Protein backbone atom coordinates (compact mmCIF):
# COMPACT_ATOMS: atom_id res chain seq x y z
CA MET A 1 -3.18 -5.95 20.96
CA ALA A 2 -0.75 -8.08 18.89
CA SER A 3 2.18 -6.95 20.92
CA GLN A 4 0.38 -7.84 24.15
CA LEU A 5 -0.63 -11.24 22.72
CA ALA A 6 2.98 -11.85 21.60
CA LYS A 7 4.11 -11.07 25.13
CA GLN A 8 1.67 -13.60 26.52
CA VAL A 9 2.63 -16.33 24.19
CA VAL A 10 6.38 -15.82 24.60
CA GLU A 11 6.20 -15.69 28.34
CA ARG A 12 4.08 -18.77 28.35
CA ALA A 13 6.96 -20.52 26.51
CA TYR A 14 9.70 -18.85 28.50
CA PRO A 15 8.35 -18.00 32.02
CA THR A 16 9.68 -14.89 33.49
CA GLU A 17 10.83 -16.73 36.66
CA ASP A 18 12.94 -19.09 34.50
CA VAL A 19 14.43 -16.10 32.72
CA ALA A 20 15.26 -14.54 36.06
CA THR A 21 16.88 -17.64 37.36
CA LEU A 22 19.05 -18.04 34.25
CA ARG A 23 20.18 -14.48 34.53
CA THR A 24 21.14 -15.11 38.19
CA PHE A 25 23.11 -18.13 37.05
CA LYS A 26 24.86 -16.10 34.45
CA LYS A 27 26.06 -13.68 37.01
CA LYS A 28 27.29 -16.48 39.08
CA TYR A 29 28.87 -18.81 36.39
CA GLY A 30 29.41 -16.45 33.46
CA SER A 31 29.11 -17.16 29.78
CA PRO A 32 28.19 -20.88 30.02
CA CYS A 33 24.79 -19.71 31.33
CA ASP A 34 24.41 -16.87 28.89
CA VAL A 35 21.36 -18.31 27.25
CA VAL A 36 18.78 -15.47 27.66
CA ALA A 37 18.46 -12.88 24.92
CA LYS A 38 16.08 -10.17 23.70
CA ASP A 39 14.34 -10.71 20.44
CA LYS A 40 11.54 -9.01 18.44
CA CYS A 41 10.81 -11.68 15.80
CA PHE A 42 9.48 -15.13 16.49
CA TYR A 43 8.26 -18.35 14.69
CA PHE A 44 4.68 -18.99 16.05
CA ALA A 45 3.17 -22.37 15.31
CA HIS A 46 0.02 -24.19 16.06
CA ASN A 47 -1.17 -27.94 15.55
CA GLU A 48 -4.92 -27.48 15.20
CA ASP A 49 -5.27 -28.06 11.49
CA VAL A 50 -5.44 -31.33 9.68
CA ASN A 51 -4.53 -32.18 6.04
CA GLU A 52 -6.62 -34.01 3.44
CA ASP A 53 -5.55 -37.26 5.05
CA GLN A 54 -6.95 -36.15 8.38
CA GLU A 55 -3.40 -35.96 9.83
CA ILE A 56 -2.42 -33.15 12.24
CA GLU A 57 -0.45 -30.58 10.39
CA GLU A 58 1.77 -27.93 11.93
CA VAL A 59 1.19 -24.44 10.73
CA LYS A 60 3.89 -21.79 11.40
CA SER A 61 5.27 -18.60 10.17
CA HIS A 62 7.67 -15.92 11.10
CA PHE A 63 6.44 -12.70 12.58
CA ASP A 64 8.81 -9.78 12.91
CA PHE A 65 7.50 -6.95 15.13
CA GLY A 66 10.34 -4.57 14.16
CA LEU A 67 9.77 -1.38 12.10
CA PHE A 68 11.49 -2.94 9.00
CA GLY A 69 10.10 -6.49 9.56
CA ASN A 70 9.12 -8.43 6.51
CA LEU A 71 5.49 -8.54 5.67
CA ASN A 72 5.31 -12.01 3.94
CA GLY A 73 6.47 -14.24 6.78
CA SER A 74 10.18 -14.43 5.71
CA GLU A 75 12.77 -13.95 8.45
CA TYR A 76 14.85 -11.93 5.98
CA SER A 77 14.41 -8.14 5.61
CA SER A 78 13.11 -6.75 2.32
CA GLU A 79 11.87 -3.54 0.79
CA ASP A 80 8.38 -4.36 2.05
CA GLY A 81 9.40 -3.55 5.57
CA LYS A 82 11.04 -0.18 4.48
CA LYS A 83 7.79 0.64 2.57
CA PHE A 84 5.89 0.20 5.80
CA ALA A 85 8.27 2.25 7.82
CA PHE A 86 8.11 5.08 5.27
CA ALA A 87 4.31 5.13 5.12
CA TYR A 88 3.98 4.84 8.89
CA TYR A 89 6.33 7.67 9.61
CA ARG A 90 5.46 9.64 6.38
CA GLU A 91 4.58 12.98 8.18
CA ASP A 92 7.68 12.75 10.30
CA LEU A 93 9.94 12.21 7.33
CA LYS A 94 8.29 14.98 5.24
CA ALA A 95 9.06 17.32 8.15
CA MET A 96 12.70 16.32 7.86
CA ASP A 97 12.73 17.09 4.12
CA CYS A 98 12.89 13.60 3.06
CA ASN A 99 10.76 11.85 0.47
CA PRO A 100 8.83 8.92 2.16
CA ASP A 101 6.86 8.43 -1.04
CA ILE A 102 9.93 7.31 -3.04
CA PHE A 103 9.01 3.52 -3.16
CA ALA A 104 5.52 4.27 -4.23
CA GLN A 105 6.66 6.77 -6.83
CA GLN A 106 9.35 4.32 -8.23
CA ASN A 107 7.09 1.29 -7.85
CA GLU A 108 7.53 0.12 -11.43
CA ASN A 109 11.17 1.15 -11.82
CA LYS A 110 14.27 -0.79 -11.06
CA ASP A 111 16.90 0.33 -8.58
CA ASN A 112 18.45 3.58 -9.80
CA PRO A 113 20.63 6.46 -8.19
CA HIS A 114 17.52 8.71 -7.74
CA LYS A 115 15.66 6.01 -5.79
CA THR A 116 18.71 5.00 -3.72
CA LYS A 117 19.38 8.55 -2.74
CA TYR A 118 16.04 9.15 -1.28
CA VAL A 119 15.69 5.70 0.33
CA ASP A 120 19.03 6.20 2.05
CA GLU A 121 18.00 9.65 3.23
CA CYS A 122 14.84 8.21 4.71
CA MET A 123 16.67 5.25 6.36
CA LYS A 124 19.12 7.74 7.92
CA ALA A 125 16.31 9.93 9.22
CA LEU A 126 14.42 6.93 10.75
CA GLY A 127 17.70 5.76 12.39
CA GLY A 128 17.51 2.20 11.20
CA ASN A 129 19.78 -0.20 9.44
CA GLY A 130 16.95 -2.21 7.88
CA ASN A 131 18.38 -5.36 9.19
CA SER A 132 15.91 -7.68 10.85
CA TYR A 133 18.62 -9.50 12.80
CA THR A 134 20.30 -6.73 14.76
CA ASN A 135 19.30 -3.54 16.55
CA SER A 136 22.83 -2.55 17.36
CA ASP A 137 22.88 0.31 14.90
CA GLU A 138 19.28 1.54 15.42
CA VAL A 139 18.72 4.99 16.78
CA GLY A 140 15.90 7.54 16.87
CA MET A 141 12.49 6.56 15.58
CA ALA A 142 13.49 2.94 14.63
CA LYS A 143 14.87 2.36 18.19
CA THR A 144 11.76 3.88 19.90
CA PHE A 145 9.45 1.87 17.67
CA ASN A 146 11.21 -1.48 18.22
CA ALA A 147 11.96 -1.12 22.00
CA PRO A 148 8.50 -2.21 23.18
CA TYR A 149 8.59 -5.42 21.19
CA TYR A 150 11.81 -7.00 22.45
CA LEU A 151 10.96 -9.97 24.59
CA ASP A 152 13.12 -12.43 26.65
CA VAL A 153 13.77 -15.73 24.92
CA ILE A 154 15.72 -18.71 26.23
CA GLY A 155 18.27 -20.25 23.90
CA THR A 156 21.13 -19.11 21.69
CA SER A 157 19.78 -20.59 18.33
CA TYR A 158 18.17 -18.56 15.56
CA CYS A 159 14.37 -18.06 15.76
CA ARG A 160 13.80 -20.46 12.92
CA SER A 161 14.85 -23.42 15.17
CA ARG A 162 12.63 -22.42 18.17
CA ALA A 163 9.07 -22.27 17.02
CA ILE A 164 6.90 -21.12 19.82
CA ALA A 165 3.63 -22.90 20.33
CA CYS A 166 0.32 -20.87 20.28
CA THR A 167 -3.32 -21.58 19.62
CA LYS A 168 -4.86 -21.37 16.22
CA GLN A 169 -6.85 -18.27 17.40
CA GLU A 170 -3.62 -16.59 18.60
CA TYR A 171 -2.00 -17.39 15.32
CA GLU A 172 -4.83 -15.87 13.32
CA HIS A 173 -4.50 -12.70 15.34
CA PHE A 174 -0.87 -12.51 14.47
CA GLU A 175 -1.86 -12.95 10.75
CA MET A 176 -4.33 -10.14 11.18
CA TRP A 177 -1.69 -7.90 12.52
CA ARG A 178 0.69 -8.62 9.62
CA THR A 179 -2.11 -8.05 7.22
CA ALA A 180 -2.77 -4.60 8.79
CA LYS A 181 0.82 -3.63 8.04
CA GLY A 182 0.51 -4.62 4.46
CA ASN A 183 -2.77 -2.75 4.14
CA LEU A 184 -1.03 0.40 5.20
CA VAL A 185 1.54 -0.07 2.46
CA SER A 186 -1.14 -0.83 -0.10
CA LYS A 187 -3.18 2.22 0.80
CA HIS A 188 -0.11 4.44 0.57
CA GLN A 189 0.75 3.02 -2.83
CA THR A 190 -2.75 3.61 -4.18
CA TRP A 191 -2.96 7.16 -2.85
CA ILE A 192 0.40 8.05 -4.41
CA ASP A 193 -0.53 6.37 -7.66
CA SER A 194 -3.63 8.59 -7.86
CA ILE A 195 -1.61 11.74 -7.03
CA VAL A 196 0.99 10.83 -9.78
CA LYS A 197 -1.65 10.17 -12.30
CA GLN A 198 -3.40 13.52 -11.67
CA CYS A 199 0.01 15.39 -11.89
CA ASN A 200 0.88 13.72 -15.11
CA GLN A 201 -2.43 14.66 -16.71
CA LEU A 202 -2.00 18.13 -15.41
CA LYS A 203 1.53 18.46 -16.91
CA ILE A 204 0.17 17.26 -20.31
CA GLY A 205 -2.52 19.84 -20.24
CA LEU A 206 -0.26 22.75 -19.17
CA LYS A 207 2.27 22.07 -21.73
CA ALA A 208 -0.36 22.27 -24.45
CA TYR A 209 -1.63 25.71 -23.32
CA ARG A 210 -0.53 28.64 -25.17
CA TYR A 211 -2.00 31.42 -23.09
CA LEU A 212 -1.80 32.39 -19.46
CA SER A 213 -5.46 32.78 -19.21
CA GLU A 214 -6.01 29.06 -20.10
CA GLY A 215 -3.84 28.10 -17.09
CA ILE A 216 -5.73 30.49 -14.83
CA GLU A 217 -9.07 29.09 -15.94
CA LEU A 218 -7.81 25.61 -15.29
CA ALA A 219 -6.57 26.63 -11.76
CA THR A 220 -10.04 28.29 -11.07
CA GLU A 221 -11.82 25.15 -12.17
CA LEU A 222 -9.67 23.15 -9.87
CA GLY A 223 -10.37 25.48 -6.94
CA ILE A 224 -6.72 26.69 -6.82
CA GLU A 225 -6.12 30.40 -6.03
CA LEU A 226 -3.32 31.85 -8.17
CA ASP A 227 -1.50 35.24 -7.77
CA GLU A 228 -1.09 36.28 -11.44
CA ALA A 229 1.88 38.54 -10.41
CA GLU A 230 3.89 35.40 -9.35
CA LEU A 231 3.10 33.44 -12.58
CA ILE A 232 5.77 33.29 -15.34
CA ARG A 233 4.46 33.10 -18.77
CA THR A 234 6.27 30.83 -21.21
CA ASN A 235 6.09 30.34 -24.95
CA SER A 236 4.79 27.21 -26.42
CA THR A 237 4.47 25.84 -30.00
CA GLY A 238 1.99 23.20 -28.77
CA LEU A 239 -1.70 23.14 -29.67
CA THR A 240 -4.43 23.69 -27.12
CA ILE A 241 -5.62 20.14 -27.02
CA TYR A 242 -7.26 20.31 -23.61
CA ASN A 243 -10.05 22.71 -22.89
CA PRO A 244 -9.33 24.02 -19.33
CA THR A 245 -12.86 23.06 -18.07
CA ASN A 246 -12.67 19.62 -19.62
CA LEU A 247 -9.19 19.03 -18.30
CA ALA A 248 -10.32 20.17 -14.75
CA SER A 249 -13.17 17.74 -14.87
CA MET A 250 -10.86 14.93 -16.12
CA ILE A 251 -8.46 15.52 -13.23
CA LYS A 252 -11.31 15.73 -10.66
CA GLY A 253 -12.63 12.47 -12.07
CA MET A 254 -9.26 10.79 -11.50
CA LYS A 255 -9.13 12.13 -7.96
CA ASN A 256 -9.62 9.42 -5.48
CA LYS A 257 -12.10 7.41 -7.43
CA GLN A 258 -12.14 4.76 -4.71
CA SER A 259 -12.18 5.31 -0.96
CA SER A 260 -8.91 3.47 -0.78
CA ASN A 261 -7.30 6.21 -2.76
CA THR A 262 -7.94 8.97 -0.16
CA ARG A 263 -5.52 10.38 2.28
CA GLU A 264 -8.13 9.88 4.92
CA ALA A 265 -8.30 6.11 4.06
CA LYS A 266 -4.49 5.99 4.35
CA ILE A 267 -4.66 7.56 7.80
CA LEU A 268 -7.45 5.05 8.65
CA ALA A 269 -5.22 2.20 7.66
CA ARG A 270 -2.50 3.48 9.98
CA LYS A 271 -4.96 3.77 12.87
CA GLN A 272 -6.21 0.25 12.24
CA TYR A 273 -2.61 -0.98 12.33
CA GLU A 274 -1.97 0.83 15.59
CA GLU A 275 -5.12 -0.61 17.12
CA SER A 276 -3.90 -4.08 16.16
CA ILE A 277 -0.68 -3.54 18.11
CA ASN A 278 -2.04 -1.88 21.24
């Protein structure tokens, strides 16, 4: 819906017949008439609000429809765009032995070699350069995602200097679309946080166990089937702090306490985003 709306607004500002005429002039007169270009990011603005002095006030923001487009209205690319791309194509990236959860797993950590390694692998798999300004290096999934959103604009200046007029209602639809992208990132982060917390608690409990039977009991409580022949028993000097039944209950209690934590909710967030662009 957002992509169709953007097409309507952009073509209203730059009519297709004008674009066709200018392309004809370019063929005839060359570079002096080379003023039509494809773009996927736009400044949309409306003048339907008034300030406290009852004066008309322009409201505008940058909207990047690209896979790695910023989620806060900035025209510059950031990690937020990559986070959306990794969450949106999570299953595809997992199938390519990449780690699309790396941003969520490293959310509280500064940049480090481990994070950089997996981010670079995901970016390579997606086929994007993460640059909002150019699509010259984009291939694969990034190119496929971006292709439908490129629209014809007239003028050679950067998008910041050519705000395109729209109505307040249209502007609010674009904001809803951008919010949907942010919600997908947020749901993904919450879901991974829940999984990491459960895994950490599980590690603490397992390290404290001294007997194989305790680990098997825990697995049974969690509904996990284990083949004892494949288990390797290790020695431990730790104390059995966590009773298997209690630990299982604790982990189950941590599991998706809120609906926003569930994998289903994350999938729903992606569907809602897709509905906002179709």
